[in-house]
């Protein structure tokens, strides 16, 4: 039996997405979302926000990046990744999400009408280069045929 590593989240972007390119030309879009968890505190329900960092790779990421603006509601399907490193002699780690699929949902709360957020223009966000990753995600060629 194989291990299962799947995460599905729906939330709002906490800031505009950052588009960068690896040395090999692969587009990498980095963004964060907030997902509220409702829980009962005393006699009333309160929202408890949870924040998640997400990386999305490839041509699909490049295409959708201009629509990933602060406040936009999105759906993300992907997997958890744990980065490990050593800093000042201490072992460190961070869990993030590598997206296989990103869907734009609803509208930007700052907009006056329905639909998606107005895309960023090319001048408003210039992509930059990042060092090539040692491990490319297997999901760059993700097929949209989800079995459920």
N, C-alpha and C. Protein backbone atom coordinates (compact mmCIF):
# COMPACT_ATOMS: atom_id res chain seq x y z
N UNK A 1 0.84 -1.18 0.00
CA UNK A 1 0.00 0.00 0.00
C UNK A 1 0.88 1.24 0.00
N UNK A 2 0.51 2.24 -0.78
CA UNK A 2 1.27 3.50 -0.86
C UNK A 2 0.77 4.49 0.17
N UNK A 3 1.66 5.38 0.58
CA UNK A 3 1.27 6.45 1.48
C UNK A 3 0.42 7.46 0.71
N UNK A 4 -0.39 8.20 1.43
CA UNK A 4 -1.25 9.21 0.82
C UNK A 4 -0.84 10.59 1.34
N UNK A 5 -0.65 11.51 0.44
CA UNK A 5 -0.28 12.88 0.79
C UNK A 5 -1.08 13.81 -0.11
N UNK A 6 -2.28 14.16 0.30
CA UNK A 6 -3.16 15.03 -0.48
C UNK A 6 -3.75 16.08 0.44
N UNK A 7 -3.76 17.31 -0.02
CA UNK A 7 -4.38 18.39 0.74
C UNK A 7 -5.26 19.20 -0.22
N UNK A 8 -6.45 19.56 0.24
CA UNK A 8 -7.37 20.40 -0.53
C UNK A 8 -7.79 21.54 0.39
N UNK A 9 -7.58 22.77 -0.07
CA UNK A 9 -7.91 23.95 0.73
C UNK A 9 -8.68 24.95 -0.11
N UNK A 10 -9.57 25.67 0.54
CA UNK A 10 -10.25 26.81 -0.07
C UNK A 10 -10.07 27.96 0.89
N UNK A 11 -9.51 29.06 0.39
CA UNK A 11 -9.26 30.21 1.24
C UNK A 11 -9.00 31.45 0.41
N UNK A 12 -8.57 32.50 1.09
CA UNK A 12 -8.30 33.79 0.43
C UNK A 12 -6.82 34.10 0.47
N UNK A 13 -6.34 34.67 -0.63
CA UNK A 13 -4.93 35.06 -0.70
C UNK A 13 -4.63 36.18 0.29
N UNK A 14 -3.51 36.04 1.01
CA UNK A 14 -3.13 37.04 2.00
C UNK A 14 -2.33 38.18 1.39
N UNK A 15 -1.81 37.98 0.18
CA UNK A 15 -1.07 39.01 -0.56
C UNK A 15 -1.02 38.58 -2.03
N UNK A 16 -0.60 39.48 -2.90
CA UNK A 16 -0.45 39.14 -4.31
C UNK A 16 0.62 38.05 -4.47
N UNK A 17 0.40 37.16 -5.42
CA UNK A 17 1.34 36.08 -5.69
C UNK A 17 2.64 36.63 -6.27
N UNK A 18 3.74 35.91 -6.04
CA UNK A 18 5.06 36.28 -6.57
C UNK A 18 5.44 35.27 -7.65
N UNK A 19 5.68 35.76 -8.87
CA UNK A 19 6.10 34.91 -9.98
C UNK A 19 7.61 35.02 -10.14
N UNK A 20 8.27 33.86 -10.12
CA UNK A 20 9.72 33.81 -10.33
C UNK A 20 10.01 32.68 -11.29
N UNK A 21 11.26 32.62 -11.75
CA UNK A 21 11.66 31.56 -12.68
C UNK A 21 12.93 30.89 -12.17
N UNK A 22 12.96 29.57 -12.28
CA UNK A 22 14.17 28.81 -11.97
C UNK A 22 15.16 29.01 -13.11
N UNK A 23 16.40 28.64 -12.90
CA UNK A 23 17.43 28.79 -13.95
C UNK A 23 17.07 28.03 -15.21
N UNK A 24 16.34 26.94 -15.06
CA UNK A 24 15.95 26.15 -16.23
C UNK A 24 14.72 26.72 -16.94
N UNK A 25 14.17 27.85 -16.43
CA UNK A 25 13.02 28.50 -17.07
C UNK A 25 11.67 28.12 -16.51
N UNK A 26 11.63 27.20 -15.56
CA UNK A 26 10.36 26.78 -14.97
C UNK A 26 9.76 27.91 -14.14
N UNK A 27 8.50 28.23 -14.39
CA UNK A 27 7.81 29.25 -13.62
C UNK A 27 7.48 28.71 -12.23
N UNK A 28 7.68 29.56 -11.23
CA UNK A 28 7.35 29.21 -9.84
C UNK A 28 6.53 30.36 -9.29
N UNK A 29 5.31 30.06 -8.85
CA UNK A 29 4.44 31.07 -8.25
C UNK A 29 4.33 30.75 -6.76
N UNK A 30 4.67 31.73 -5.93
CA UNK A 30 4.59 31.57 -4.48
C UNK A 30 3.48 32.48 -3.96
N UNK A 31 2.61 31.91 -3.11
CA UNK A 31 1.54 32.70 -2.50
C UNK A 31 1.15 32.08 -1.18
N UNK A 32 0.38 32.82 -0.40
CA UNK A 32 -0.11 32.34 0.89
C UNK A 32 -1.62 32.53 0.93
N UNK A 33 -2.30 31.59 1.59
CA UNK A 33 -3.74 31.74 1.76
C UNK A 33 -4.10 31.63 3.24
N UNK A 34 -5.20 32.25 3.57
CA UNK A 34 -5.78 32.14 4.91
C UNK A 34 -7.04 31.29 4.79
N UNK A 35 -7.14 30.31 5.67
CA UNK A 35 -8.31 29.43 5.72
C UNK A 35 -8.86 29.51 7.13
N UNK A 36 -10.11 29.93 7.24
CA UNK A 36 -10.73 30.07 8.56
C UNK A 36 -11.27 28.74 9.06
N UNK A 37 -11.06 28.49 10.31
CA UNK A 37 -11.61 27.32 11.00
C UNK A 37 -12.57 27.86 12.05
N UNK A 38 -13.82 27.45 11.98
CA UNK A 38 -14.81 27.89 12.97
C UNK A 38 -14.80 26.96 14.17
N UNK A 39 -14.81 27.54 15.34
CA UNK A 39 -14.88 26.74 16.56
C UNK A 39 -15.73 27.49 17.58
N UNK A 40 -16.29 26.72 18.48
CA UNK A 40 -17.16 27.32 19.49
C UNK A 40 -16.32 27.74 20.70
N UNK A 41 -16.47 28.99 21.08
CA UNK A 41 -15.80 29.52 22.27
C UNK A 41 -16.89 30.07 23.18
N UNK A 42 -17.05 29.46 24.32
CA UNK A 42 -18.15 29.77 25.23
C UNK A 42 -19.46 29.51 24.49
N UNK A 43 -20.27 30.55 24.29
CA UNK A 43 -21.58 30.35 23.64
C UNK A 43 -21.62 30.87 22.20
N UNK A 44 -20.48 31.27 21.65
CA UNK A 44 -20.53 31.78 20.29
C UNK A 44 -19.43 31.17 19.43
N UNK A 45 -19.68 31.20 18.12
CA UNK A 45 -18.72 30.66 17.17
C UNK A 45 -17.72 31.75 16.80
N UNK A 46 -16.44 31.39 16.75
CA UNK A 46 -15.39 32.33 16.35
C UNK A 46 -14.58 31.69 15.22
N UNK A 47 -14.09 32.55 14.34
CA UNK A 47 -13.23 32.09 13.25
C UNK A 47 -11.78 32.16 13.70
N UNK A 48 -11.07 31.10 13.45
CA UNK A 48 -9.65 31.03 13.78
C UNK A 48 -8.89 30.87 12.45
N UNK A 49 -8.15 31.90 12.02
CA UNK A 49 -7.47 31.80 10.73
C UNK A 49 -6.23 30.91 10.81
N UNK A 50 -6.01 30.16 9.75
CA UNK A 50 -4.80 29.37 9.56
C UNK A 50 -4.16 29.83 8.26
N UNK A 51 -2.84 29.96 8.25
CA UNK A 51 -2.13 30.49 7.09
C UNK A 51 -1.23 29.41 6.49
N UNK A 52 -1.25 29.31 5.16
CA UNK A 52 -0.48 28.28 4.47
C UNK A 52 0.30 28.88 3.32
N UNK A 53 1.59 28.53 3.21
CA UNK A 53 2.43 28.93 2.09
C UNK A 53 2.32 27.88 1.00
N UNK A 54 2.21 28.35 -0.25
CA UNK A 54 1.97 27.45 -1.37
C UNK A 54 2.91 27.82 -2.52
N UNK A 55 3.46 26.79 -3.16
CA UNK A 55 4.25 26.95 -4.39
C UNK A 55 3.54 26.20 -5.50
N UNK A 56 3.49 26.83 -6.67
CA UNK A 56 2.83 26.26 -7.84
C UNK A 56 3.81 26.38 -9.00
N UNK A 57 4.03 25.30 -9.76
CA UNK A 57 5.06 25.24 -10.79
C UNK A 57 4.47 25.08 -12.18
N UNK A 58 5.18 25.57 -13.18
CA UNK A 58 4.88 25.28 -14.57
C UNK A 58 4.08 26.35 -15.29
N UNK A 59 3.67 25.99 -16.51
CA UNK A 59 2.95 26.93 -17.37
C UNK A 59 1.59 27.33 -16.79
N UNK A 60 0.90 26.38 -16.16
CA UNK A 60 -0.39 26.72 -15.55
C UNK A 60 -0.21 27.76 -14.46
N UNK A 61 0.85 27.62 -13.68
CA UNK A 61 1.15 28.58 -12.62
C UNK A 61 1.42 29.96 -13.21
N UNK A 62 2.19 29.97 -14.27
CA UNK A 62 2.52 31.24 -14.93
C UNK A 62 1.25 31.91 -15.46
N UNK A 63 0.36 31.14 -16.04
CA UNK A 63 -0.87 31.69 -16.61
C UNK A 63 -1.80 32.28 -15.56
N UNK A 64 -1.94 31.61 -14.42
CA UNK A 64 -2.89 32.04 -13.40
C UNK A 64 -2.29 33.10 -12.47
N UNK A 65 -0.98 33.27 -12.48
CA UNK A 65 -0.31 34.14 -11.49
C UNK A 65 -0.85 35.56 -11.49
N UNK A 66 -1.18 36.10 -12.64
CA UNK A 66 -1.65 37.49 -12.70
C UNK A 66 -3.03 37.69 -12.07
N UNK A 67 -3.75 36.59 -11.83
CA UNK A 67 -5.07 36.67 -11.20
C UNK A 67 -5.02 36.41 -9.69
N UNK A 68 -3.87 35.99 -9.19
CA UNK A 68 -3.72 35.65 -7.78
C UNK A 68 -3.40 36.90 -6.98
N UNK A 69 -4.44 37.67 -6.69
CA UNK A 69 -4.31 38.95 -6.00
C UNK A 69 -4.87 38.86 -4.59
N UNK A 70 -4.33 39.66 -3.72
CA UNK A 70 -4.75 39.68 -2.32
C UNK A 70 -6.27 39.73 -2.22
N UNK A 71 -6.84 38.85 -1.39
CA UNK A 71 -8.28 38.81 -1.17
C UNK A 71 -9.02 37.84 -2.07
N UNK A 72 -8.41 37.41 -3.19
CA UNK A 72 -9.05 36.50 -4.12
C UNK A 72 -9.28 35.15 -3.45
N UNK A 73 -10.48 34.59 -3.58
CA UNK A 73 -10.76 33.26 -3.06
C UNK A 73 -10.31 32.23 -4.09
N UNK A 74 -9.57 31.23 -3.62
CA UNK A 74 -9.08 30.19 -4.51
C UNK A 74 -9.23 28.82 -3.87
N UNK A 75 -9.22 27.81 -4.71
CA UNK A 75 -9.15 26.42 -4.27
C UNK A 75 -7.81 25.86 -4.68
N UNK A 76 -7.19 25.10 -3.80
CA UNK A 76 -5.87 24.53 -4.06
C UNK A 76 -5.92 23.04 -3.77
N UNK A 77 -5.41 22.24 -4.70
CA UNK A 77 -5.23 20.81 -4.49
C UNK A 77 -3.75 20.55 -4.65
N UNK A 78 -3.15 19.85 -3.69
CA UNK A 78 -1.73 19.60 -3.78
C UNK A 78 -1.27 18.61 -2.74
N UNK A 79 -0.01 18.75 -2.36
CA UNK A 79 0.58 17.85 -1.37
C UNK A 79 1.46 18.63 -0.41
N UNK A 80 1.65 18.06 0.77
CA UNK A 80 2.50 18.68 1.77
C UNK A 80 3.96 18.33 1.49
N UNK A 81 4.84 19.31 1.69
CA UNK A 81 6.28 19.11 1.58
C UNK A 81 6.94 19.67 2.82
N UNK A 82 7.91 18.95 3.34
CA UNK A 82 8.65 19.43 4.50
C UNK A 82 10.07 19.75 4.08
N UNK A 83 10.44 21.01 4.21
CA UNK A 83 11.81 21.45 3.95
C UNK A 83 12.58 21.36 5.26
N UNK A 84 13.81 20.84 5.18
CA UNK A 84 14.65 20.72 6.37
C UNK A 84 15.98 21.38 6.09
N UNK A 85 16.50 22.10 7.10
CA UNK A 85 17.80 22.73 7.00
C UNK A 85 18.37 22.94 8.39
N UNK A 86 19.62 23.35 8.42
CA UNK A 86 20.26 23.63 9.70
C UNK A 86 20.61 25.11 9.75
N UNK A 87 20.30 25.73 10.87
CA UNK A 87 20.58 27.16 11.05
C UNK A 87 21.17 27.36 12.44
N UNK A 88 22.35 27.94 12.50
CA UNK A 88 23.04 28.18 13.76
C UNK A 88 23.14 26.90 14.60
N UNK A 89 23.42 25.78 13.93
CA UNK A 89 23.58 24.52 14.62
C UNK A 89 22.28 23.85 15.04
N UNK A 90 21.15 24.47 14.75
CA UNK A 90 19.84 23.92 15.12
C UNK A 90 19.14 23.35 13.88
N UNK A 91 18.56 22.18 14.03
CA UNK A 91 17.76 21.59 12.95
C UNK A 91 16.45 22.36 12.83
N UNK A 92 16.11 22.77 11.63
CA UNK A 92 14.88 23.52 11.37
C UNK A 92 14.08 22.79 10.30
N UNK A 93 12.78 23.04 10.30
CA UNK A 93 11.93 22.49 9.25
C UNK A 93 10.70 23.38 9.08
N UNK A 94 10.12 23.28 7.89
CA UNK A 94 8.91 24.04 7.58
C UNK A 94 8.07 23.20 6.63
N UNK A 95 6.78 23.12 6.90
CA UNK A 95 5.86 22.40 6.03
C UNK A 95 5.16 23.42 5.14
N UNK A 96 5.18 23.18 3.84
CA UNK A 96 4.46 24.03 2.90
C UNK A 96 3.68 23.12 1.95
N UNK A 97 2.98 23.73 1.03
CA UNK A 97 2.15 22.99 0.09
C UNK A 97 2.67 23.20 -1.32
N UNK A 98 2.81 22.12 -2.07
CA UNK A 98 3.12 22.21 -3.49
C UNK A 98 1.80 21.93 -4.21
N UNK A 99 1.32 22.94 -4.92
CA UNK A 99 0.02 22.83 -5.59
C UNK A 99 0.13 22.03 -6.88
N UNK A 100 -0.84 21.19 -7.11
CA UNK A 100 -0.99 20.48 -8.38
C UNK A 100 -2.05 21.16 -9.24
N UNK A 101 -2.99 21.84 -8.57
CA UNK A 101 -4.11 22.46 -9.27
C UNK A 101 -4.58 23.66 -8.46
N UNK A 102 -4.82 24.77 -9.12
CA UNK A 102 -5.33 25.99 -8.47
C UNK A 102 -6.54 26.46 -9.26
N UNK A 103 -7.63 26.73 -8.55
CA UNK A 103 -8.86 27.22 -9.17
C UNK A 103 -9.23 28.56 -8.58
N UNK A 104 -9.57 29.51 -9.45
CA UNK A 104 -10.07 30.80 -9.00
C UNK A 104 -11.54 30.65 -8.65
N UNK A 105 -11.93 31.15 -7.49
CA UNK A 105 -13.30 31.03 -7.02
C UNK A 105 -13.84 32.40 -6.65
N UNK A 106 -15.13 32.62 -6.84
CA UNK A 106 -15.75 33.86 -6.38
C UNK A 106 -15.13 35.08 -7.02
N UNK A 107 -15.12 36.16 -6.26
CA UNK A 107 -14.56 37.41 -6.76
C UNK A 107 -13.70 38.04 -5.68
N UNK A 108 -12.90 38.99 -6.10
CA UNK A 108 -12.05 39.72 -5.18
C UNK A 108 -12.94 40.60 -4.32
N UNK A 109 -12.79 40.59 -2.99
CA UNK A 109 -13.66 41.39 -2.13
C UNK A 109 -13.56 42.89 -2.40
N UNK A 110 -12.49 43.34 -3.03
CA UNK A 110 -12.34 44.75 -3.33
C UNK A 110 -13.02 45.16 -4.62
N UNK A 111 -13.53 44.18 -5.38
CA UNK A 111 -14.15 44.51 -6.66
C UNK A 111 -15.63 44.84 -6.46
N UNK A 112 -16.20 45.54 -7.43
CA UNK A 112 -17.60 45.95 -7.31
C UNK A 112 -18.56 44.96 -7.96
N UNK A 113 -18.04 44.11 -8.84
CA UNK A 113 -18.93 43.17 -9.51
C UNK A 113 -18.47 41.75 -9.29
N UNK A 114 -19.16 40.82 -9.96
CA UNK A 114 -18.79 39.42 -9.85
C UNK A 114 -17.58 39.11 -10.70
N UNK A 115 -17.18 37.88 -10.71
CA UNK A 115 -16.06 37.46 -11.53
C UNK A 115 -14.74 37.51 -10.79
N UNK A 116 -13.69 37.25 -11.54
CA UNK A 116 -12.36 37.19 -10.94
C UNK A 116 -11.77 38.57 -10.76
N UNK A 117 -10.72 38.61 -9.99
CA UNK A 117 -10.00 39.86 -9.79
C UNK A 117 -9.41 40.32 -11.11
N UNK A 118 -9.29 41.62 -11.28
CA UNK A 118 -8.67 42.18 -12.47
C UNK A 118 -7.21 41.76 -12.49
N UNK A 119 -6.74 41.22 -13.61
CA UNK A 119 -5.37 40.74 -13.63
C UNK A 119 -4.36 41.87 -13.48
N UNK A 120 -3.21 41.52 -12.91
CA UNK A 120 -2.10 42.46 -12.82
C UNK A 120 -1.57 42.72 -14.21
N UNK A 121 -1.10 43.91 -14.46
CA UNK A 121 -0.45 44.19 -15.73
C UNK A 121 0.99 43.76 -15.63
N UNK A 122 1.64 43.61 -16.76
CA UNK A 122 3.03 43.15 -16.79
C UNK A 122 3.95 44.09 -16.02
N UNK A 123 3.66 45.40 -16.01
CA UNK A 123 4.53 46.37 -15.35
C UNK A 123 4.40 46.35 -13.84
N UNK A 124 3.29 45.86 -13.31
CA UNK A 124 3.05 45.95 -11.87
C UNK A 124 3.77 44.87 -11.08
N UNK A 125 4.22 43.82 -11.74
CA UNK A 125 4.93 42.77 -11.02
C UNK A 125 5.93 42.13 -11.96
N UNK A 126 7.19 42.42 -11.76
CA UNK A 126 8.19 41.85 -12.65
C UNK A 126 8.74 40.57 -12.07
N UNK A 127 8.69 39.49 -12.85
CA UNK A 127 9.21 38.22 -12.35
C UNK A 127 10.71 38.29 -12.17
N UNK A 128 11.23 37.52 -11.24
CA UNK A 128 12.66 37.48 -11.00
C UNK A 128 13.15 36.05 -11.04
N UNK A 129 14.44 35.90 -11.11
CA UNK A 129 15.07 34.58 -11.17
C UNK A 129 15.34 34.05 -9.76
N UNK A 130 15.15 32.75 -9.59
CA UNK A 130 15.50 32.09 -8.34
C UNK A 130 16.42 30.93 -8.68
N UNK A 131 17.21 30.48 -7.73
CA UNK A 131 18.08 29.34 -8.01
C UNK A 131 17.25 28.11 -8.37
N UNK A 132 17.80 27.30 -9.25
CA UNK A 132 17.10 26.09 -9.66
C UNK A 132 16.95 25.15 -8.48
N UNK A 133 15.77 24.56 -8.36
CA UNK A 133 15.53 23.63 -7.27
C UNK A 133 16.22 22.31 -7.57
N UNK A 134 16.67 21.66 -6.50
CA UNK A 134 17.31 20.37 -6.67
C UNK A 134 16.29 19.28 -6.93
N UNK A 135 15.07 19.49 -6.49
CA UNK A 135 14.02 18.49 -6.67
C UNK A 135 12.80 19.14 -7.27
N UNK A 136 12.47 18.77 -8.52
CA UNK A 136 11.28 19.29 -9.16
C UNK A 136 10.09 18.44 -8.74
N UNK A 137 8.94 19.04 -8.49
CA UNK A 137 7.79 18.24 -8.12
C UNK A 137 7.33 17.38 -9.30
N UNK A 138 6.83 16.21 -8.99
CA UNK A 138 6.32 15.31 -10.02
C UNK A 138 5.07 15.86 -10.65
N UNK A 139 4.45 16.86 -10.03
CA UNK A 139 3.13 17.32 -10.42
C UNK A 139 3.14 18.38 -11.51
N UNK A 140 4.31 18.71 -12.08
CA UNK A 140 4.34 19.76 -13.09
C UNK A 140 3.43 19.41 -14.25
N UNK A 141 3.35 18.14 -14.62
CA UNK A 141 2.48 17.72 -15.72
C UNK A 141 1.16 17.18 -15.21
N UNK A 142 0.62 17.72 -14.14
CA UNK A 142 -0.60 17.22 -13.52
C UNK A 142 -1.75 17.16 -14.52
N UNK A 143 -2.41 16.04 -14.54
CA UNK A 143 -3.57 15.84 -15.40
C UNK A 143 -4.84 16.14 -14.59
N UNK A 144 -5.77 16.83 -15.18
CA UNK A 144 -6.96 17.29 -14.48
C UNK A 144 -7.97 16.17 -14.18
N UNK A 145 -7.70 14.93 -14.55
CA UNK A 145 -8.64 13.85 -14.30
C UNK A 145 -8.52 13.37 -12.86
N UNK A 146 -9.27 13.99 -11.98
CA UNK A 146 -9.26 13.61 -10.57
C UNK A 146 -10.29 12.50 -10.38
N UNK A 147 -9.93 11.41 -9.71
CA UNK A 147 -10.82 10.26 -9.63
C UNK A 147 -11.97 10.41 -8.65
N UNK A 148 -12.20 11.56 -8.07
CA UNK A 148 -13.31 11.72 -7.16
C UNK A 148 -14.04 13.00 -7.43
